[in-house]
Protein backbone atom coordinates (compact mmCIF):
# COMPACT_ATOMS: atom_id res chain seq x y z
CA MET A 1 -32.53 -7.60 -29.81
CA GLU A 2 -30.08 -8.21 -26.97
CA LEU A 3 -27.18 -8.10 -29.46
CA GLU A 4 -28.42 -4.80 -30.90
CA ARG A 5 -28.75 -3.31 -27.37
CA GLY A 6 -25.22 -4.44 -26.55
CA ILE A 7 -23.82 -2.92 -29.75
CA PHE A 8 -25.70 0.34 -29.05
CA THR A 9 -24.41 0.49 -25.44
CA HIS A 10 -20.87 -0.18 -26.63
CA PHE A 11 -21.23 2.62 -29.21
CA VAL A 12 -22.45 5.08 -26.54
CA LEU A 13 -19.56 4.22 -24.21
CA ILE A 14 -17.03 4.68 -27.02
CA THR A 15 -18.61 8.03 -27.90
CA ILE A 16 -18.53 9.26 -24.30
CA PHE A 17 -14.97 8.04 -23.81
CA SER A 18 -13.85 9.70 -27.05
CA ALA A 19 -15.51 12.99 -26.05
CA CYS A 20 -13.65 12.98 -22.72
CA VAL A 21 -10.35 12.22 -24.42
CA TYR A 22 -10.71 15.31 -26.56
CA CYS A 23 -12.12 17.55 -23.83
CA SER A 24 -9.88 20.55 -23.16
CA ASP A 25 -9.52 22.10 -19.74
CA CYS A 26 -9.95 25.78 -19.06
CA VAL A 27 -6.37 27.03 -18.86
CA TRP A 28 -5.52 30.63 -18.07
CA ASN A 29 -2.26 32.50 -17.72
CA LYS A 30 -2.50 34.23 -14.33
CA ASP A 31 -0.53 37.24 -15.59
CA LYS A 32 -2.28 37.71 -18.94
CA ASP A 33 -5.80 36.29 -18.82
CA PHE A 34 -7.07 37.48 -15.44
CA PRO A 35 -8.84 40.79 -14.69
CA GLN A 36 -7.24 43.54 -12.60
CA TYR A 37 -9.32 42.54 -9.55
CA PRO A 38 -9.75 38.77 -9.87
CA PRO A 39 -12.55 36.92 -8.09
CA LEU A 40 -11.88 34.11 -5.70
CA ILE A 41 -12.30 30.76 -7.44
CA LEU A 42 -13.51 27.84 -5.30
CA ASP A 43 -13.88 24.27 -6.53
CA SER A 44 -16.58 21.77 -5.64
CA SER A 45 -14.63 20.80 -2.50
CA PHE A 46 -14.70 24.45 -1.37
CA GLU A 47 -10.94 24.77 -1.88
CA PHE A 48 -9.22 27.71 -3.54
CA VAL A 49 -8.28 27.08 -7.17
CA LEU A 50 -4.61 28.10 -7.15
CA PRO A 51 -2.08 28.69 -9.92
CA VAL A 52 0.84 26.37 -10.58
CA GLU A 53 4.11 27.12 -12.32
CA GLU A 54 4.42 25.50 -15.76
CA ASP A 55 7.32 26.30 -18.10
CA GLY A 56 7.91 29.62 -16.40
CA ASN A 57 4.25 30.65 -16.55
CA ARG A 58 1.72 30.91 -13.75
CA VAL A 59 -1.17 28.78 -14.92
CA VAL A 60 -4.67 28.26 -13.51
CA ARG A 61 -6.55 25.13 -14.61
CA VAL A 62 -10.15 24.05 -14.27
CA ALA A 63 -11.16 20.68 -15.71
CA ALA A 64 -13.56 20.65 -18.65
CA GLY A 65 -17.11 20.38 -17.38
CA GLU A 66 -16.18 21.27 -13.81
CA THR A 67 -18.28 23.85 -12.00
CA VAL A 68 -16.58 26.43 -9.79
CA THR A 69 -17.78 29.32 -7.65
CA LEU A 70 -16.55 32.81 -8.53
CA ALA A 71 -16.84 35.21 -5.60
CA CYS A 72 -16.12 38.89 -4.92
CA PRO A 73 -16.71 39.21 -1.14
CA GLY A 74 -17.30 42.83 -0.23
CA ASP A 75 -17.87 43.82 -3.87
CA GLU A 76 -19.42 42.29 -6.99
CA ILE A 77 -18.52 40.74 -10.33
CA GLU A 78 -18.89 43.93 -12.35
CA ASN A 79 -20.31 42.56 -15.60
CA LEU A 80 -22.73 40.29 -13.78
CA HIS A 81 -23.76 42.78 -11.05
CA GLN A 82 -23.70 40.02 -8.46
CA VAL A 83 -21.38 39.02 -5.64
CA GLU A 84 -21.03 35.37 -6.67
CA ALA A 85 -21.71 33.11 -9.62
CA GLU A 86 -21.58 29.41 -10.48
CA ALA A 87 -19.49 28.90 -13.61
CA ARG A 88 -18.90 25.74 -15.69
CA CYS A 89 -15.75 25.25 -17.76
CA LEU A 90 -16.56 24.77 -21.45
CA GLU A 91 -14.39 22.96 -23.94
CA ASN A 92 -13.44 26.23 -25.62
CA GLY A 93 -11.95 27.58 -22.40
CA LEU A 94 -14.88 29.88 -21.72
CA LEU A 95 -17.05 29.79 -18.61
CA ALA A 96 -20.78 29.14 -18.84
CA ILE A 97 -22.78 31.23 -16.37
CA GLU A 98 -26.51 30.67 -16.64
CA ASN A 99 -27.20 31.15 -20.37
CA SER A 100 -24.10 33.15 -21.25
CA GLU A 101 -20.46 32.40 -22.02
CA TRP A 102 -17.63 34.50 -20.57
CA ASP A 103 -13.88 34.69 -20.72
CA MET A 104 -12.02 35.02 -17.43
CA ALA A 105 -10.86 38.58 -18.13
CA SER A 106 -14.50 39.76 -18.19
CA LEU A 107 -15.32 38.42 -14.72
CA GLY A 108 -13.39 40.82 -12.54
CA CYS A 109 -14.50 42.34 -9.26
CA GLY A 110 -14.99 46.07 -8.93
CA ASP A 111 -12.17 46.23 -6.39
CA ASP A 112 -10.04 43.97 -4.20
CA VAL A 113 -12.08 41.35 -2.37
CA LYS A 114 -12.59 41.96 1.34
CA GLU A 115 -11.83 39.51 4.12
CA VAL A 116 -13.57 39.48 7.50
CA ILE A 117 -12.86 38.09 10.96
CA PHE A 118 -15.10 35.19 12.00
CA ARG A 119 -14.96 35.72 15.74
CA ASP A 120 -15.28 33.63 18.88
CA GLN A 121 -14.85 30.13 17.46
CA GLY A 122 -14.20 28.58 20.86
CA ALA A 123 -11.53 28.46 23.53
CA CYS A 124 -7.89 27.76 22.69
CA GLY A 125 -4.45 27.71 24.25
CA ALA A 126 -3.34 26.06 27.49
CA GLY A 127 -6.00 26.37 30.13
CA ASN A 128 -8.38 27.72 27.48
CA ILE A 129 -7.14 31.25 28.16
CA GLY A 130 -7.40 32.24 24.52
CA ILE A 131 -10.27 32.77 22.10
CA LEU A 132 -10.08 31.36 18.58
CA HIS A 133 -10.80 33.64 15.62
CA GLU A 134 -10.62 32.97 11.89
CA ILE A 135 -9.73 35.40 9.11
CA GLY A 136 -11.16 34.66 5.69
CA PHE A 137 -14.05 35.21 3.32
CA GLU A 138 -17.83 34.86 3.52
CA ILE A 139 -19.15 32.82 0.59
CA LEU A 140 -22.84 33.57 0.65
CA SER A 141 -24.04 31.08 -1.98
CA ALA A 142 -22.53 28.19 -0.02
CA GLU A 143 -23.46 29.74 3.33
CA LYS A 144 -19.90 28.99 4.38
CA PHE A 145 -16.84 30.80 5.65
CA LYS A 146 -13.60 30.16 3.76
CA LYS A 147 -10.79 30.29 6.27
CA VAL A 148 -7.37 31.70 5.40
CA LEU A 149 -5.79 31.52 8.86
CA ARG A 150 -6.69 31.00 12.50
CA VAL A 151 -5.64 33.13 15.48
CA CYS A 152 -5.64 32.11 19.14
CA PHE A 153 -5.84 35.44 20.99
CA ASP A 154 -5.46 36.10 24.72
CA PRO A 155 -7.86 38.97 25.55
CA SER A 156 -6.43 39.56 29.04
CA LEU A 157 -2.91 40.47 27.86
CA GLU A 158 -4.13 41.51 24.40
CA THR A 159 -1.64 39.26 22.67
CA THR A 160 -1.64 36.40 20.19
CA LEU A 161 -0.78 32.98 21.60
CA TYR A 162 -0.40 31.39 18.16
CA THR A 163 -1.69 31.37 14.58
CA GLU A 164 -2.26 28.47 12.19
CA HIS A 165 -2.20 28.31 8.40
CA LEU A 166 -1.21 26.14 5.42
CA ILE A 167 1.61 26.63 2.95
CA HIS A 168 0.56 25.10 -0.37
CA GLY A 169 3.88 23.71 -1.53
CA ALA A 170 2.69 22.72 -5.00
CA ASN A 171 1.56 26.29 -5.68
CA ILE A 172 3.85 28.60 -3.70
CA ALA A 173 6.24 29.10 -6.64
CA ALA A 174 3.33 30.61 -8.61
CA LYS A 175 2.17 33.03 -5.90
CA ASP A 176 1.05 36.58 -6.60
CA ILE A 177 3.72 39.22 -6.01
CA ASP A 178 3.04 42.91 -5.38
CA SER A 179 5.56 45.30 -3.85
CA SER A 180 2.83 47.38 -2.21
CA ARG A 181 1.47 46.30 1.15
CA PRO A 182 -1.74 47.21 2.97
CA SER A 183 -1.72 48.84 6.37
CA PHE A 184 -2.26 46.71 9.46
CA LYS A 185 -5.82 46.74 10.77
CA SER A 186 -6.86 46.66 14.43
CA SER A 187 -10.53 45.70 14.16
CA THR A 188 -12.72 46.51 17.14
CA GLY A 189 -12.75 44.61 20.39
CA PHE A 190 -9.21 43.27 20.50
CA PHE A 191 -7.02 46.08 21.84
CA SER A 192 -7.55 48.77 24.48
CA VAL A 193 -4.60 50.82 23.18
CA SER A 194 -3.90 52.41 19.82
CA MET A 195 -1.78 49.80 18.08
CA SER A 196 -0.48 52.20 15.45
CA THR A 197 0.69 54.48 18.27
CA VAL A 198 2.40 51.89 20.46
CA TYR A 199 4.25 50.50 17.44
CA SER A 200 5.55 53.94 16.46
CA GLN A 201 9.27 54.44 17.01
CA SER A 202 8.75 57.68 18.91
CA SER A 203 6.38 55.94 21.31
CA GLN A 204 8.86 53.08 21.78
CA LEU A 205 11.67 55.52 22.62
CA GLU A 206 9.53 57.30 25.19
CA LEU A 207 8.57 53.94 26.67
CA MET A 208 12.22 52.88 27.00
CA ILE A 209 13.16 56.14 28.69
CA LYS A 210 10.41 55.47 31.21
CA LEU A 211 11.26 51.77 31.69
CA LEU A 212 15.06 52.02 31.75
CA GLY A 213 15.35 55.28 33.64
CA ASP A 214 17.99 56.82 31.41
CA GLU A 215 17.66 58.63 28.09
CA ASP A 216 21.10 57.69 26.77
CA LEU A 217 20.48 54.03 27.54
CA ALA A 218 17.08 54.24 25.87
CA HIS A 219 18.70 55.63 22.71
CA GLN A 220 21.07 52.66 22.67
CA ILE A 221 18.16 50.24 22.98
CA ILE A 222 15.98 51.99 20.37
CA ASN A 223 18.30 52.70 17.44
CA THR A 224 16.67 52.70 14.03
CA HIS A 225 20.03 52.64 12.21
CA LYS A 226 20.74 49.24 13.75
CA GLN A 227 17.12 48.04 13.30
CA PHE A 228 16.69 48.20 17.07
CA TYR A 229 12.98 48.93 17.27
CA PHE A 230 9.86 46.79 17.50
CA ALA A 231 8.27 45.79 14.21
CA LYS A 232 4.95 44.09 13.59
CA GLY A 233 6.17 40.51 13.33
CA HIS A 234 3.81 38.57 11.09
CA MET A 235 3.05 35.19 12.67
CA SER A 236 1.29 33.88 9.55
CA PRO A 237 3.27 35.88 6.97
CA ASP A 238 1.83 37.22 3.75
CA ALA A 239 4.49 35.51 1.64
CA ASP A 240 3.29 32.07 2.80
CA PHE A 241 0.09 32.55 0.77
CA VAL A 242 -0.43 32.18 -2.96
CA LEU A 243 -3.32 34.55 -3.73
CA MET A 244 -3.02 38.30 -3.24
CA ALA A 245 -6.39 38.29 -1.46
CA ASN A 246 -5.10 35.79 1.09
CA GLN A 247 -1.85 37.70 1.50
CA ASP A 248 -3.77 40.89 2.25
CA ALA A 249 -5.89 39.03 4.80
CA THR A 250 -2.81 38.59 7.02
CA TYR A 251 -2.53 42.32 7.80
CA TYR A 252 -4.20 42.39 11.19
CA TYR A 253 -2.55 43.27 14.47
CA ILE A 254 -3.92 40.04 15.93
CA ASN A 255 -1.66 38.24 13.42
CA ALA A 256 1.45 40.03 14.69
CA LEU A 257 3.69 40.15 17.74
CA PRO A 258 6.30 42.80 18.64
CA GLN A 259 9.63 41.60 17.25
CA TRP A 260 12.83 43.57 17.10
CA GLN A 261 13.29 44.57 13.47
CA ALA A 262 16.83 43.13 13.50
CA PHE A 263 15.26 39.75 14.33
CA ASN A 264 12.15 40.16 12.18
CA ASN A 265 14.29 41.06 9.17
CA GLY A 266 16.97 38.56 10.17
CA ASN A 267 16.62 34.97 11.32
CA TRP A 268 12.82 35.06 11.60
CA LYS A 269 12.67 36.03 7.92
CA TYR A 270 15.21 33.34 7.04
CA LEU A 271 13.10 30.78 8.93
CA GLU A 272 10.08 31.79 6.83
CA PHE A 273 12.16 31.40 3.67
CA ALA A 274 13.38 27.96 4.78
CA THR A 275 9.84 26.79 5.57
CA ARG A 276 8.50 27.87 2.18
CA ASP A 277 11.47 26.28 0.42
CA LEU A 278 10.75 23.02 2.23
CA ALA A 279 7.09 23.10 1.20
CA GLU A 280 8.03 23.85 -2.40
CA LYS A 281 10.58 21.03 -2.44
CA LYS A 282 8.00 18.58 -1.10
CA ARG A 283 5.28 20.00 -3.40
CA ARG A 284 2.63 19.47 -0.79
CA ASP A 285 0.91 21.30 2.04
CA LEU A 286 2.67 22.03 5.30
CA ARG A 287 0.66 23.12 8.33
CA VAL A 288 2.39 25.91 10.24
CA TYR A 289 1.76 27.20 13.76
CA SER A 290 3.51 30.37 14.96
CA GLY A 291 3.38 32.11 18.32
CA GLY A 292 5.17 33.82 21.15
CA TRP A 293 6.11 32.94 24.71
CA GLY A 294 7.18 34.81 27.79
CA VAL A 295 7.85 38.52 28.16
CA LEU A 296 11.07 40.16 27.02
CA GLU A 297 13.16 41.61 29.84
CA LEU A 298 15.70 44.41 29.49
CA ILE A 299 18.13 45.71 32.10
CA ASP A 300 17.45 49.22 33.42
CA ILE A 301 19.99 51.82 34.52
CA ASN A 302 20.14 50.26 37.99
CA GLY A 303 20.85 46.76 36.69
CA ASN A 304 17.34 45.48 37.33
CA PRO A 305 15.32 43.48 34.77
CA VAL A 306 12.16 45.16 33.51
CA GLU A 307 9.42 43.58 31.40
CA VAL A 308 8.52 45.19 28.10
CA PHE A 309 4.84 45.72 27.26
CA LEU A 310 4.19 48.11 24.40
CA GLY A 311 0.87 49.02 25.98
CA LEU A 312 2.72 50.68 28.89
CA ALA A 313 3.22 53.61 26.51
CA GLN A 314 -0.45 54.27 27.22
CA GLU A 315 -0.32 53.13 30.86
CA LYS A 316 -1.72 49.66 30.19
CA LYS A 317 0.15 46.42 30.80
CA VAL A 318 -0.87 44.80 27.53
CA VAL A 319 0.75 43.85 24.20
CA PRO A 320 3.85 42.13 25.65
CA ALA A 321 7.00 41.87 23.58
CA PRO A 322 7.58 38.09 23.68
CA ALA A 323 10.85 36.67 24.96
CA VAL A 324 10.80 34.18 22.07
CA THR A 325 8.73 33.50 19.01
CA TRP A 326 8.33 29.94 17.78
CA LYS A 327 7.14 28.06 14.73
CA VAL A 328 5.95 24.46 14.41
CA VAL A 329 6.03 22.98 10.90
CA HIS A 330 3.97 19.82 10.40
CA ASP A 331 4.00 17.58 7.32
CA GLU A 332 0.70 15.82 7.85
CA LEU A 333 1.30 13.29 5.07
CA THR A 334 4.35 11.79 6.77
CA ASN A 335 3.28 12.95 10.27
CA CYS A 336 6.69 14.52 10.86
CA ALA A 337 7.14 17.91 12.52
CA ALA A 338 9.74 20.24 13.97
CA ALA A 339 9.66 23.23 16.30
CA ILE A 340 11.96 26.21 15.78
CA VAL A 341 12.46 28.94 18.38
CA GLY A 342 13.90 32.41 17.83
CA VAL A 343 15.09 34.56 20.73
CA ASN A 344 13.57 38.03 20.44
CA ASN A 345 16.54 40.04 21.72
CA PRO A 346 19.30 41.30 19.40
CA HIS A 347 20.98 43.00 22.38
CA LEU A 348 22.28 39.67 23.72
CA THR A 349 26.06 39.36 24.07
CA SER A 350 26.16 35.59 24.65
CA ALA A 351 24.05 32.58 23.72
CA PRO A 352 21.02 32.23 26.00
CA SER A 353 19.74 29.08 27.65
CA THR A 354 17.23 27.13 25.57
CA LEU A 355 13.76 25.86 26.41
CA CYS A 356 14.51 22.41 24.99
CA GLU A 357 17.28 20.32 23.47
CA ASP A 358 18.67 21.95 20.33
CA LEU A 359 18.25 19.73 17.25
CA CYS A 360 19.08 22.20 14.47
CA SER A 361 22.06 20.08 13.39
CA SER A 362 19.54 17.36 12.47
CA LEU A 363 17.48 19.68 10.25
CA PRO A 364 19.39 20.41 7.03
CA TRP A 365 16.54 22.61 5.76
CA ILE A 366 17.38 25.12 8.51
CA ASP A 367 20.10 26.63 6.35
CA PHE A 368 20.90 29.97 8.00
CA ASP A 369 23.22 31.05 10.82
CA VAL A 370 21.16 30.11 13.87
CA SER A 371 23.92 31.31 16.24
CA ASP A 372 23.77 34.93 15.00
CA LEU A 373 22.91 36.87 18.19
CA GLY A 374 22.29 40.19 16.45
CA HIS A 375 19.71 38.73 14.08
CA GLY A 376 17.94 36.44 16.54
CA TYR A 377 19.57 33.42 18.17
CA THR A 378 17.63 30.38 16.96
CA TYR A 379 17.36 26.74 17.99
CA CYS A 380 15.29 23.71 17.02
CA CYS A 381 13.38 21.16 19.10
CA SER A 382 11.03 18.26 18.93
CA VAL A 383 7.43 19.44 19.18
CA ALA A 384 6.88 17.46 22.38
CA ASP A 385 9.91 19.03 24.07
CA LEU A 386 8.86 22.54 23.18
CA ARG A 387 5.28 21.87 24.26
CA ALA A 388 6.59 20.81 27.67
CA ALA A 389 8.00 24.33 28.04
CA VAL A 390 5.41 26.28 26.03
CA PRO A 391 1.97 24.78 26.70
CA HIS A 392 0.29 26.70 23.85
CA VAL A 393 2.26 24.66 21.31
CA PRO A 394 -0.21 22.29 19.57
CA GLU A 395 -0.56 18.71 20.71
CA LEU A 396 0.38 16.65 17.67
CA GLY A 397 0.78 13.29 19.39
CA GLU A 398 3.54 10.95 18.29
CA VAL A 399 5.32 12.55 15.35
CA CYS A 400 8.68 11.90 13.75
CA LEU A 401 11.24 14.69 13.38
CA LEU A 402 10.86 16.68 10.18
CA THR A 403 14.44 16.37 8.97
CA GLU A 404 13.84 16.86 5.25
């Protein structure tokens, strides 16, 4: 009897093992097999299921037998008439939902999914002067909030101290690409001025005439042909995210700081490129913090420095144009990090003083002209050195320098 039981157990194990060997994953081509408005897909660890690049294709995989959550926050899965559904990958590549089988193309949302701001998640920044907010998606079935990025916002000056997000290096090459962009959203309770108005070029010109005391000088400072105007500088940029839904979630004014367009479209953009390239090369996640520091000063007609707050266009000293914007890139696997600082003033005629010792020569992945004054003079530091000058920089403890 014992021998028969042993033979039977051995047979069952062989059968199970053989079944797993021949199991086939659910594999979809992101550009051919997905609906127009795809749902969010979350795995059992509550992580986004992201595409990867394979042989020039953008491929999404779910293991055979694995259960995932499909979610259309702010809308519904049209053919199911429900916001969310639990789906199990079948061996034939279909998804089992309750007693039915579906292909991925039939599980689209009625429209783009909608992110929300999860507000007031505690104090942040040096001296706890900021309030932490998260932008992401409500997943009702899990009674959880799926964060896309975090924002530390100073309500007194109505400015962002820093943001935090992840670049998924193993997936960034397969990200969604769409030439259209949503408009920036204010959301209630953050700003006492009209952000669309203070960012307008006509408003900026009027502000400079008032601040600098001379119309001709103001026209030299605000010159659209030379990209001399303030743009909405993404701190956590859309291109750092893989899914279109996550990219769209970055379009909030609390995720932007006033940057001269010559800088925003110059060395700040090249820094974003370099950071994504580094993540893709490493094929792993990099945690990125981005923020501003100080208030930009310009020289008026009498030779006196004046501080630039966009809110002064509406008689309120809020929404400062930062003197610098900075980025900290942290590879948590190796515990190495680097801080990069860009000077937010393309009107400089000579290199400015730095907040910390410049280490850009030790960072080969910083592969652009950091000395270019017109596109944003840039320098690199250890995180500890920059934090000594900019107390809102995160405390990472003892970290090595992220050289490659």
